[in-house]
Full PDB file with SEQRES, HELIX, SHEET, SSBOND, CRYST1, ORIGX, SCALE, CONECT and MASTER records, all heavy atoms in Angstrom:
SEQRES   1 A   38  GLY SER VAL LYS ILE GLN SER ALA LYS ASN SER VAL LEU          
SEQRES   2 A   38  PRO ILE LEU ALA ALA ALA VAL LEU THR ASP GLY LYS ILE          
SEQRES   3 A   38  LYS ILE LEU ASN VAL PRO GLN ILE SER ASP VAL LYS              
HELIX    1 AA1 LYS A    9  ALA A   18  1                                  10    
HELIX    2 AA2 ALA A   19  LEU A   21  5                                   3    
CRYST1    1.000    1.000    1.000  90.00  90.00  90.00 P 1           1          
ORIGX1      1.000000  0.000000  0.000000        0.00000                         
ORIGX2      0.000000  1.000000  0.000000        0.00000                         
ORIGX3      0.000000  0.000000  1.000000        0.00000                         
SCALE1      1.000000  0.000000  0.000000        0.00000                         
SCALE2      0.000000  1.000000  0.000000        0.00000                         
SCALE3      0.000000  0.000000  1.000000        0.00000                         
ATOM      1  N   GLY A   1       0.812  -1.207   0.000  1.00  0.00           N  
ATOM      2  CA  GLY A   1       0.000   0.000   0.000  1.00  0.00           C  
ATOM      3  C   GLY A   1       0.843   1.253   0.000  1.00  0.00           C  
ATOM      4  O   GLY A   1       2.021   1.237  -0.360  1.00  0.00           O  
ATOM      5  N   SER A   2       0.228   2.349   0.423  1.00  0.00           N  
ATOM      6  CA  SER A   2       0.919   3.642   0.408  1.00  0.00           C  
ATOM      7  C   SER A   2       0.817   4.302   1.773  1.00  0.00           C  
ATOM      8  O   SER A   2      -0.116   4.048   2.537  1.00  0.00           O  
ATOM      9  CB  SER A   2       0.333   4.557  -0.673  1.00  0.00           C  
ATOM     10  OG  SER A   2      -1.026   4.838  -0.403  1.00  0.00           O  
ATOM     11  N   VAL A   3       1.780   5.164   2.064  1.00  0.00           N  
ATOM     12  CA  VAL A   3       1.795   5.892   3.315  1.00  0.00           C  
ATOM     13  C   VAL A   3       2.121   7.347   3.013  1.00  0.00           C  
ATOM     14  O   VAL A   3       3.015   7.646   2.230  1.00  0.00           O  
ATOM     15  CB  VAL A   3       2.813   5.275   4.310  1.00  0.00           C  
ATOM     16  CG1 VAL A   3       4.229   5.286   3.744  1.00  0.00           C  
ATOM     17  CG2 VAL A   3       2.775   5.991   5.644  1.00  0.00           C  
ATOM     18  N   LYS A   4       1.358   8.253   3.618  1.00  0.00           N  
ATOM     19  CA  LYS A   4       1.562   9.683   3.441  1.00  0.00           C  
ATOM     20  C   LYS A   4       2.512  10.179   4.521  1.00  0.00           C  
ATOM     21  O   LYS A   4       2.285   9.968   5.711  1.00  0.00           O  
ATOM     22  CB  LYS A   4       0.225  10.427   3.543  1.00  0.00           C  
ATOM     23  CG  LYS A   4       0.330  11.927   3.351  1.00  0.00           C  
ATOM     24  CD  LYS A   4       0.657  12.309   1.932  1.00  0.00           C  
ATOM     25  CE  LYS A   4       0.617  13.812   1.741  1.00  0.00           C  
ATOM     26  NZ  LYS A   4       0.996  14.226   0.374  1.00  0.00           N  
ATOM     27  N   ILE A   5       3.579  10.845   4.105  1.00  0.00           N  
ATOM     28  CA  ILE A   5       4.615  11.284   5.032  1.00  0.00           C  
ATOM     29  C   ILE A   5       4.256  12.654   5.620  1.00  0.00           C  
ATOM     30  O   ILE A   5       3.828  13.560   4.909  1.00  0.00           O  
ATOM     31  CB  ILE A   5       5.980  11.322   4.315  1.00  0.00           C  
ATOM     32  CG1 ILE A   5       6.331   9.927   3.782  1.00  0.00           C  
ATOM     33  CG2 ILE A   5       7.063  11.838   5.250  1.00  0.00           C  
ATOM     34  CD1 ILE A   5       6.335   8.826   4.828  1.00  0.00           C  
ATOM     35  N   GLN A   6       4.462  12.794   6.920  1.00  0.00           N  
ATOM     36  CA  GLN A   6       4.136  14.025   7.633  1.00  0.00           C  
ATOM     37  C   GLN A   6       5.188  15.100   7.370  1.00  0.00           C  
ATOM     38  O   GLN A   6       6.273  14.826   6.867  1.00  0.00           O  
ATOM     39  CB  GLN A   6       4.068  13.740   9.137  1.00  0.00           C  
ATOM     40  CG  GLN A   6       5.418  13.335   9.721  1.00  0.00           C  
ATOM     41  CD  GLN A   6       5.340  12.779  11.136  1.00  0.00           C  
ATOM     42  OE1 GLN A   6       4.288  12.398  11.624  1.00  0.00           O  
ATOM     43  NE2 GLN A   6       6.483  12.745  11.806  1.00  0.00           N  
ATOM     44  N   SER A   7       4.859  16.331   7.745  1.00  0.00           N  
ATOM     45  CA  SER A   7       5.869  17.395   7.699  1.00  0.00           C  
ATOM     46  C   SER A   7       6.999  17.059   8.664  1.00  0.00           C  
ATOM     47  O   SER A   7       6.800  16.409   9.683  1.00  0.00           O  
ATOM     48  CB  SER A   7       5.251  18.740   8.076  1.00  0.00           C  
ATOM     49  OG  SER A   7       4.421  19.224   7.040  1.00  0.00           O  
ATOM     50  N   ALA A   8       8.192  17.536   8.329  1.00  0.00           N  
ATOM     51  CA  ALA A   8       9.381  17.131   9.071  1.00  0.00           C  
ATOM     52  C   ALA A   8       9.375  17.676  10.495  1.00  0.00           C  
ATOM     53  O   ALA A   8       9.279  18.889  10.707  1.00  0.00           O  
ATOM     54  CB  ALA A   8      10.633  17.611   8.345  1.00  0.00           C  
ATOM     55  N   LYS A   9       9.481  16.780  11.450  1.00  0.00           N  
ATOM     56  CA  LYS A   9       9.613  17.173  12.855  1.00  0.00           C  
ATOM     57  C   LYS A   9      10.732  18.190  13.030  1.00  0.00           C  
ATOM     58  O   LYS A   9      10.570  19.200  13.727  1.00  0.00           O  
ATOM     59  CB  LYS A   9       9.900  15.922  13.685  1.00  0.00           C  
ATOM     60  CG  LYS A   9      10.472  16.143  15.075  1.00  0.00           C  
ATOM     61  CD  LYS A   9      10.827  14.799  15.694  1.00  0.00           C  
ATOM     62  CE  LYS A   9      11.448  14.944  17.080  1.00  0.00           C  
ATOM     63  NZ  LYS A   9      12.869  15.343  17.042  1.00  0.00           N  
ATOM     64  N   ASN A  10      11.863  17.948  12.380  1.00  0.00           N  
ATOM     65  CA  ASN A  10      13.027  18.816  12.573  1.00  0.00           C  
ATOM     66  C   ASN A  10      12.946  20.110  11.776  1.00  0.00           C  
ATOM     67  O   ASN A  10      13.849  20.942  11.862  1.00  0.00           O  
ATOM     68  CB  ASN A  10      14.308  18.056  12.237  1.00  0.00           C  
ATOM     69  CG  ASN A  10      14.591  16.958  13.244  1.00  0.00           C  
ATOM     70  OD1 ASN A  10      14.204  17.058  14.410  1.00  0.00           O  
ATOM     71  ND2 ASN A  10      15.243  15.901  12.803  1.00  0.00           N  
ATOM     72  N   SER A  11      11.886  20.289  11.002  1.00  0.00           N  
ATOM     73  CA  SER A  11      11.563  21.592  10.419  1.00  0.00           C  
ATOM     74  C   SER A  11      10.516  22.314  11.246  1.00  0.00           C  
ATOM     75  O   SER A  11      10.620  23.509  11.522  1.00  0.00           O  
ATOM     76  CB  SER A  11      11.046  21.435   8.989  1.00  0.00           C  
ATOM     77  OG  SER A  11      12.079  21.347   8.057  1.00  0.00           O  
ATOM     78  N   VAL A  12       9.489  21.585  11.654  1.00  0.00           N  
ATOM     79  CA  VAL A  12       8.369  22.198  12.355  1.00  0.00           C  
ATOM     80  C   VAL A  12       8.808  22.807  13.683  1.00  0.00           C  
ATOM     81  O   VAL A  12       8.378  23.918  14.038  1.00  0.00           O  
ATOM     82  CB  VAL A  12       7.242  21.161  12.572  1.00  0.00           C  
ATOM     83  CG1 VAL A  12       6.165  21.722  13.488  1.00  0.00           C  
ATOM     84  CG2 VAL A  12       6.633  20.751  11.231  1.00  0.00           C  
ATOM     85  N   LEU A  13       9.689  22.117  14.420  1.00  0.00           N  
ATOM     86  CA  LEU A  13      10.080  22.620  15.741  1.00  0.00           C  
ATOM     87  C   LEU A  13      10.797  23.976  15.669  1.00  0.00           C  
ATOM     88  O   LEU A  13      10.419  24.913  16.385  1.00  0.00           O  
ATOM     89  CB  LEU A  13      10.917  21.577  16.474  1.00  0.00           C  
ATOM     90  CG  LEU A  13      10.158  20.299  16.865  1.00  0.00           C  
ATOM     91  CD1 LEU A  13      11.106  19.283  17.476  1.00  0.00           C  
ATOM     92  CD2 LEU A  13       9.021  20.606  17.828  1.00  0.00           C  
ATOM     93  N   PRO A  14      11.830  24.151  14.835  1.00  0.00           N  
ATOM     94  CA  PRO A  14      12.439  25.490  14.759  1.00  0.00           C  
ATOM     95  C   PRO A  14      11.518  26.536  14.139  1.00  0.00           C  
ATOM     96  O   PRO A  14      11.611  27.721  14.473  1.00  0.00           O  
ATOM     97  CB  PRO A  14      13.703  25.270  13.915  1.00  0.00           C  
ATOM     98  CG  PRO A  14      13.516  23.985  13.213  1.00  0.00           C  
ATOM     99  CD  PRO A  14      12.622  23.161  14.086  1.00  0.00           C  
ATOM    100  N   ILE A  15      10.611  26.122  13.252  1.00  0.00           N  
ATOM    101  CA  ILE A  15       9.649  27.077  12.691  1.00  0.00           C  
ATOM    102  C   ILE A  15       8.698  27.565  13.784  1.00  0.00           C  
ATOM    103  O   ILE A  15       8.359  28.753  13.856  1.00  0.00           O  
ATOM    104  CB  ILE A  15       8.891  26.446  11.508  1.00  0.00           C  
ATOM    105  CG1 ILE A  15       9.817  26.335  10.295  1.00  0.00           C  
ATOM    106  CG2 ILE A  15       7.651  27.262  11.151  1.00  0.00           C  
ATOM    107  CD1 ILE A  15       9.230  25.560   9.134  1.00  0.00           C  
ATOM    108  N   LEU A  16       8.262  26.652  14.652  1.00  0.00           N  
ATOM    109  CA  LEU A  16       7.434  27.060  15.786  1.00  0.00           C  
ATOM    110  C   LEU A  16       8.198  28.030  16.681  1.00  0.00           C  
ATOM    111  O   LEU A  16       7.644  29.032  17.159  1.00  0.00           O  
ATOM    112  CB  LEU A  16       6.996  25.836  16.588  1.00  0.00           C  
ATOM    113  CG  LEU A  16       5.869  24.994  15.990  1.00  0.00           C  
ATOM    114  CD1 LEU A  16       5.704  23.686  16.762  1.00  0.00           C  
ATOM    115  CD2 LEU A  16       4.552  25.769  15.977  1.00  0.00           C  
ATOM    116  N   ALA A  17       9.471  27.743  16.905  1.00  0.00           N  
ATOM    117  CA  ALA A  17      10.295  28.660  17.702  1.00  0.00           C  
ATOM    118  C   ALA A  17      10.383  30.024  17.022  1.00  0.00           C  
ATOM    119  O   ALA A  17      10.355  31.067  17.686  1.00  0.00           O  
ATOM    120  CB  ALA A  17      11.684  28.072  17.905  1.00  0.00           C  
ATOM    121  N   ALA A  18      10.478  30.033  15.697  1.00  0.00           N  
ATOM    122  CA  ALA A  18      10.601  31.286  14.948  1.00  0.00           C  
ATOM    123  C   ALA A  18       9.352  32.134  15.050  1.00  0.00           C  
ATOM    124  O   ALA A  18       9.404  33.356  14.847  1.00  0.00           O  
ATOM    125  CB  ALA A  18      10.912  30.980  13.479  1.00  0.00           C  
ATOM    126  N   ALA A  19       8.209  31.525  15.359  1.00  0.00           N  
ATOM    127  CA  ALA A  19       6.962  32.284  15.461  1.00  0.00           C  
ATOM    128  C   ALA A  19       7.045  33.361  16.525  1.00  0.00           C  
ATOM    129  O   ALA A  19       6.341  34.382  16.456  1.00  0.00           O  
ATOM    130  CB  ALA A  19       5.799  31.336  15.747  1.00  0.00           C  
ATOM    131  N   VAL A  20       7.918  33.171  17.529  1.00  0.00           N  
ATOM    132  CA  VAL A  20       8.064  34.166  18.596  1.00  0.00           C  
ATOM    133  C   VAL A  20       8.605  35.488  18.048  1.00  0.00           C  
ATOM    134  O   VAL A  20       8.384  36.553  18.630  1.00  0.00           O  
ATOM    135  CB  VAL A  20       9.004  33.610  19.696  1.00  0.00           C  
ATOM    136  CG1 VAL A  20       9.265  34.652  20.777  1.00  0.00           C  
ATOM    137  CG2 VAL A  20       8.400  32.352  20.325  1.00  0.00           C  
ATOM    138  N   LEU A  21       9.286  35.441  16.910  1.00  0.00           N  
ATOM    139  CA  LEU A  21       9.935  36.627  16.357  1.00  0.00           C  
ATOM    140  C   LEU A  21       8.958  37.669  15.827  1.00  0.00           C  
ATOM    141  O   LEU A  21       9.328  38.829  15.650  1.00  0.00           O  
ATOM    142  CB  LEU A  21      10.881  36.223  15.223  1.00  0.00           C  
ATOM    143  CG  LEU A  21      12.090  35.361  15.595  1.00  0.00           C  
ATOM    144  CD1 LEU A  21      12.738  34.795  14.338  1.00  0.00           C  
ATOM    145  CD2 LEU A  21      13.084  36.186  16.396  1.00  0.00           C  
ATOM    146  N   THR A  22       7.732  37.283  15.555  1.00  0.00           N  
ATOM    147  CA  THR A  22       6.811  38.173  14.856  1.00  0.00           C  
ATOM    148  C   THR A  22       5.491  38.319  15.578  1.00  0.00           C  
ATOM    149  O   THR A  22       5.048  37.405  16.289  1.00  0.00           O  
ATOM    150  CB  THR A  22       6.554  37.662  13.420  1.00  0.00           C  
ATOM    151  OG1 THR A  22       5.593  38.507  12.780  1.00  0.00           O  
ATOM    152  CG2 THR A  22       6.037  36.238  13.422  1.00  0.00           C  
ATOM    153  N   ASP A  23       4.843  39.456  15.395  1.00  0.00           N  
ATOM    154  CA  ASP A  23       3.479  39.650  15.893  1.00  0.00           C  
ATOM    155  C   ASP A  23       2.436  39.197  14.873  1.00  0.00           C  
ATOM    156  O   ASP A  23       1.246  39.193  15.158  1.00  0.00           O  
ATOM    157  CB  ASP A  23       3.241  41.121  16.239  1.00  0.00           C  
ATOM    158  CG  ASP A  23       3.953  41.525  17.520  1.00  0.00           C  
ATOM    159  OD1 ASP A  23       4.250  40.637  18.341  1.00  0.00           O  
ATOM    160  OD2 ASP A  23       4.229  42.731  17.689  1.00  0.00           O  
ATOM    161  N   GLY A  24       2.899  38.841  13.666  1.00  0.00           N  
ATOM    162  CA  GLY A  24       1.967  38.360  12.649  1.00  0.00           C  
ATOM    163  C   GLY A  24       1.548  36.930  12.923  1.00  0.00           C  
ATOM    164  O   GLY A  24       2.252  36.164  13.579  1.00  0.00           O  
ATOM    165  N   LYS A  25       0.380  36.553  12.429  1.00  0.00           N  
ATOM    166  CA  LYS A  25      -0.111  35.184  12.625  1.00  0.00           C  
ATOM    167  C   LYS A  25       0.596  34.222  11.672  1.00  0.00           C  
ATOM    168  O   LYS A  25       0.776  34.525  10.491  1.00  0.00           O  
ATOM    169  CB  LYS A  25      -1.620  35.118  12.419  1.00  0.00           C  
ATOM    170  CG  LYS A  25      -2.418  35.782  13.530  1.00  0.00           C  
ATOM    171  CD  LYS A  25      -3.909  35.570  13.345  1.00  0.00           C  
ATOM    172  CE  LYS A  25      -4.683  36.220  14.497  1.00  0.00           C  
ATOM    173  NZ  LYS A  25      -6.149  36.027  14.347  1.00  0.00           N  
ATOM    174  N   ILE A  26       0.978  33.070  12.206  1.00  0.00           N  
ATOM    175  CA  ILE A  26       1.660  32.037  11.436  1.00  0.00           C  
ATOM    176  C   ILE A  26       0.757  30.816  11.355  1.00  0.00           C  
ATOM    177  O   ILE A  26       0.278  30.322  12.389  1.00  0.00           O  
ATOM    178  CB  ILE A  26       2.994  31.636  12.112  1.00  0.00           C  
ATOM    179  CG1 ILE A  26       3.894  32.852  12.334  1.00  0.00           C  
ATOM    180  CG2 ILE A  26       3.695  30.553  11.310  1.00  0.00           C  
ATOM    181  CD1 ILE A  26       4.334  33.544  11.083  1.00  0.00           C  
ATOM    182  N   LYS A  27       0.526  30.317  10.165  1.00  0.00           N  
ATOM    183  CA  LYS A  27      -0.225  29.077   9.997  1.00  0.00           C  
ATOM    184  C   LYS A  27       0.705  28.026   9.395  1.00  0.00           C  
ATOM    185  O   LYS A  27       1.204  28.200   8.284  1.00  0.00           O  
ATOM    186  CB  LYS A  27      -1.439  29.284   9.088  1.00  0.00           C  
ATOM    187  CG  LYS A  27      -2.312  28.032   8.966  1.00  0.00           C  
ATOM    188  CD  LYS A  27      -3.574  28.304   8.133  1.00  0.00           C  
ATOM    189  CE  LYS A  27      -4.478  27.073   8.087  1.00  0.00           C  
ATOM    190  NZ  LYS A  27      -5.710  27.329   7.294  1.00  0.00           N  
ATOM    191  N   ILE A  28       0.936  26.967  10.131  1.00  0.00           N  
ATOM    192  CA  ILE A  28       1.812  25.893   9.682  1.00  0.00           C  
ATOM    193  C   ILE A  28       0.944  24.706   9.290  1.00  0.00           C  
ATOM    194  O   ILE A  28       0.095  24.252  10.071  1.00  0.00           O  
ATOM    195  CB  ILE A  28       2.816  25.490  10.774  1.00  0.00           C  
ATOM    196  CG1 ILE A  28       3.553  26.732  11.298  1.00  0.00           C  
ATOM    197  CG2 ILE A  28       3.817  24.471  10.238  1.00  0.00           C  
ATOM    198  CD1 ILE A  28       4.417  26.454  12.502  1.00  0.00           C  
ATOM    199  N   LEU A  29       1.166  24.198   8.094  1.00  0.00           N  
ATOM    200  CA  LEU A  29       0.316  23.150   7.528  1.00  0.00           C  
ATOM    201  C   LEU A  29       0.916  21.763   7.745  1.00  0.00           C  
ATOM    202  O   LEU A  29       2.130  21.594   7.824  1.00  0.00           O  
ATOM    203  CB  LEU A  29       0.128  23.399   6.026  1.00  0.00           C  
ATOM    204  CG  LEU A  29      -0.364  24.787   5.617  1.00  0.00           C  
ATOM    205  CD1 LEU A  29      -0.419  24.903   4.096  1.00  0.00           C  
ATOM    206  CD2 LEU A  29      -1.725  25.090   6.230  1.00  0.00           C  
ATOM    207  N   ASN A  30       0.026  20.770   7.841  1.00  0.00           N  
ATOM    208  CA  ASN A  30       0.416  19.352   7.917  1.00  0.00           C  
ATOM    209  C   ASN A  30       1.373  19.096   9.079  1.00  0.00           C  
ATOM    210  O   ASN A  30       2.376  18.407   8.943  1.00  0.00           O  
ATOM    211  CB  ASN A  30       1.054  18.893   6.597  1.00  0.00           C  
ATOM    212  CG  ASN A  30       1.193  17.374   6.513  1.00  0.00           C  
ATOM    213  OD1 ASN A  30       0.402  16.624   7.108  1.00  0.00           O  
ATOM    214  ND2 ASN A  30       2.194  16.901   5.779  1.00  0.00           N  
ATOM    215  N   VAL A  31       1.028  19.670  10.229  1.00  0.00           N  
ATOM    216  CA  VAL A  31       1.881  19.522  11.410  1.00  0.00           C  
ATOM    217  C   VAL A  31       1.759  18.102  11.956  1.00  0.00           C  
ATOM    218  O   VAL A  31       0.645  17.599  12.131  1.00  0.00           O  
ATOM    219  CB  VAL A  31       1.465  20.535  12.497  1.00  0.00           C  
ATOM    220  CG1 VAL A  31       2.237  20.305  13.780  1.00  0.00           C  
ATOM    221  CG2 VAL A  31       1.680  21.947  11.990  1.00  0.00           C  
ATOM    222  N   PRO A  32       2.879  17.436  12.235  1.00  0.00           N  
ATOM    223  CA  PRO A  32       2.801  16.068  12.768  1.00  0.00           C  
ATOM    224  C   PRO A  32       2.212  16.045  14.174  1.00  0.00           C  
ATOM    225  O   PRO A  32       2.539  16.901  15.006  1.00  0.00           O  
ATOM    226  CB  PRO A  32       4.263  15.602  12.760  1.00  0.00           C  
ATOM    227  CG  PRO A  32       5.069  16.849  12.782  1.00  0.00           C  
ATOM    228  CD  PRO A  32       4.274  17.883  12.045  1.00  0.00           C  
ATOM    229  N   GLN A  33       1.352  15.078  14.428  1.00  0.00           N  
ATOM    230  CA  GLN A  33       0.725  14.934  15.744  1.00  0.00           C  
ATOM    231  C   GLN A  33       1.645  14.111  16.639  1.00  0.00           C  
ATOM    232  O   GLN A  33       1.398  12.937  16.913  1.00  0.00           O  
ATOM    233  CB  GLN A  33      -0.648  14.287  15.600  1.00  0.00           C  
ATOM    234  CG  GLN A  33      -1.611  15.046  14.693  1.00  0.00           C  
ATOM    235  CD  GLN A  33      -1.902  16.440  15.212  1.00  0.00           C  
ATOM    236  OE1 GLN A  33      -2.327  16.614  16.346  1.00  0.00           O  
ATOM    237  NE2 GLN A  33      -1.686  17.452  14.381  1.00  0.00           N  
ATOM    238  N   ILE A  34       2.715  14.739  17.098  1.00  0.00           N  
ATOM    239  CA  ILE A  34       3.731  14.058  17.899  1.00  0.00           C  
ATOM    240  C   ILE A  34       3.949  14.832  19.194  1.00  0.00           C  
ATOM    241  O   ILE A  34       3.644  16.020  19.272  1.00  0.00           O  
ATOM    242  CB  ILE A  34       5.065  13.916  17.125  1.00  0.00           C  
ATOM    243  CG1 ILE A  34       5.582  15.283  16.686  1.00  0.00           C  
ATOM    244  CG2 ILE A  34       4.888  12.990  15.927  1.00  0.00           C  
ATOM    245  CD1 ILE A  34       6.932  15.250  15.988  1.00  0.00           C  
ATOM    246  N   SER A  35       4.484  14.157  20.202  1.00  0.00           N  
ATOM    247  CA  SER A  35       4.604  14.786  21.512  1.00  0.00           C  
ATOM    248  C   SER A  35       5.611  15.931  21.510  1.00  0.00           C  
ATOM    249  O   SER A  35       5.448  16.903  22.261  1.00  0.00           O  
ATOM    250  CB  SER A  35       4.977  13.741  22.567  1.00  0.00           C  
ATOM    251  OG  SER A  35       6.193  13.101  22.263  1.00  0.00           O  
ATOM    252  N   ASP A  36       6.661  15.866  20.691  1.00  0.00           N  
ATOM    253  CA  ASP A  36       7.623  16.963  20.640  1.00  0.00           C  
ATOM    254  C   ASP A  36       6.958  18.259  20.186  1.00  0.00           C  
ATOM    255  O   ASP A  36       7.234  19.337  20.727  1.00  0.00           O  
ATOM    256  CB  ASP A  36       8.788  16.621  19.704  1.00  0.00           C  
ATOM    257  CG  ASP A  36       9.948  15.966  20.440  1.00  0.00           C  
ATOM    258  OD1 ASP A  36       9.773  15.600  21.615  1.00  0.00           O  
ATOM    259  OD2 ASP A  36      11.026  15.805  19.838  1.00  0.00           O  
ATOM    260  N   VAL A  37       6.093  18.169  19.190  1.00  0.00           N  
ATOM    261  CA  VAL A  37       5.381  19.353  18.714  1.00  0.00           C  
ATOM    262  C   VAL A  37       4.422  19.857  19.788  1.00  0.00           C  
ATOM    263  O   VAL A  37       4.333  21.063  20.063  1.00  0.00           O  
ATOM    264  CB  VAL A  37       4.635  19.054  17.408  1.00  0.00           C  
ATOM    265  CG1 VAL A  37       3.639  20.173  17.075  1.00  0.00           C  
ATOM    266  CG2 VAL A  37       5.622  18.886  16.258  1.00  0.00           C  
ATOM    267  N   LYS A  38       3.717  18.938  20.428  1.00  0.00           N  
ATOM    268  CA  LYS A  38       2.771  19.341  21.480  1.00  0.00           C  
ATOM    269  C   LYS A  38       3.494  20.028  22.636  1.00  0.00           C  
ATOM    270  O   LYS A  38       3.000  21.012  23.197  1.00  0.00           O  
ATOM    271  CB  LYS A  38       1.995  18.114  21.967  1.00  0.00           C  
ATOM    272  CG  LYS A  38       1.067  17.530  20.900  1.00  0.00           C  
ATOM    273  CD  LYS A  38       0.433  16.235  21.349  1.00  0.00           C  
ATOM    274  CE  LYS A  38      -0.423  15.632  20.225  1.00  0.00           C  
ATOM    275  NZ  LYS A  38      -0.994  14.312  20.607  1.00  0.00           N  
TER     276      LYS A  38                                                      
MASTER        0    0    0    2    0    0    0    6  275    1    0    3          
END                                                                             
């Protein structure tokens, strides 16, 4: 069968950290449902 790959954990985490830099709203798509992100 097939498996759909999630967005990269090691990209999402620093991008989430980068959100602190701005007052603008950030929408991140296809975020992995993993405990590190939570």
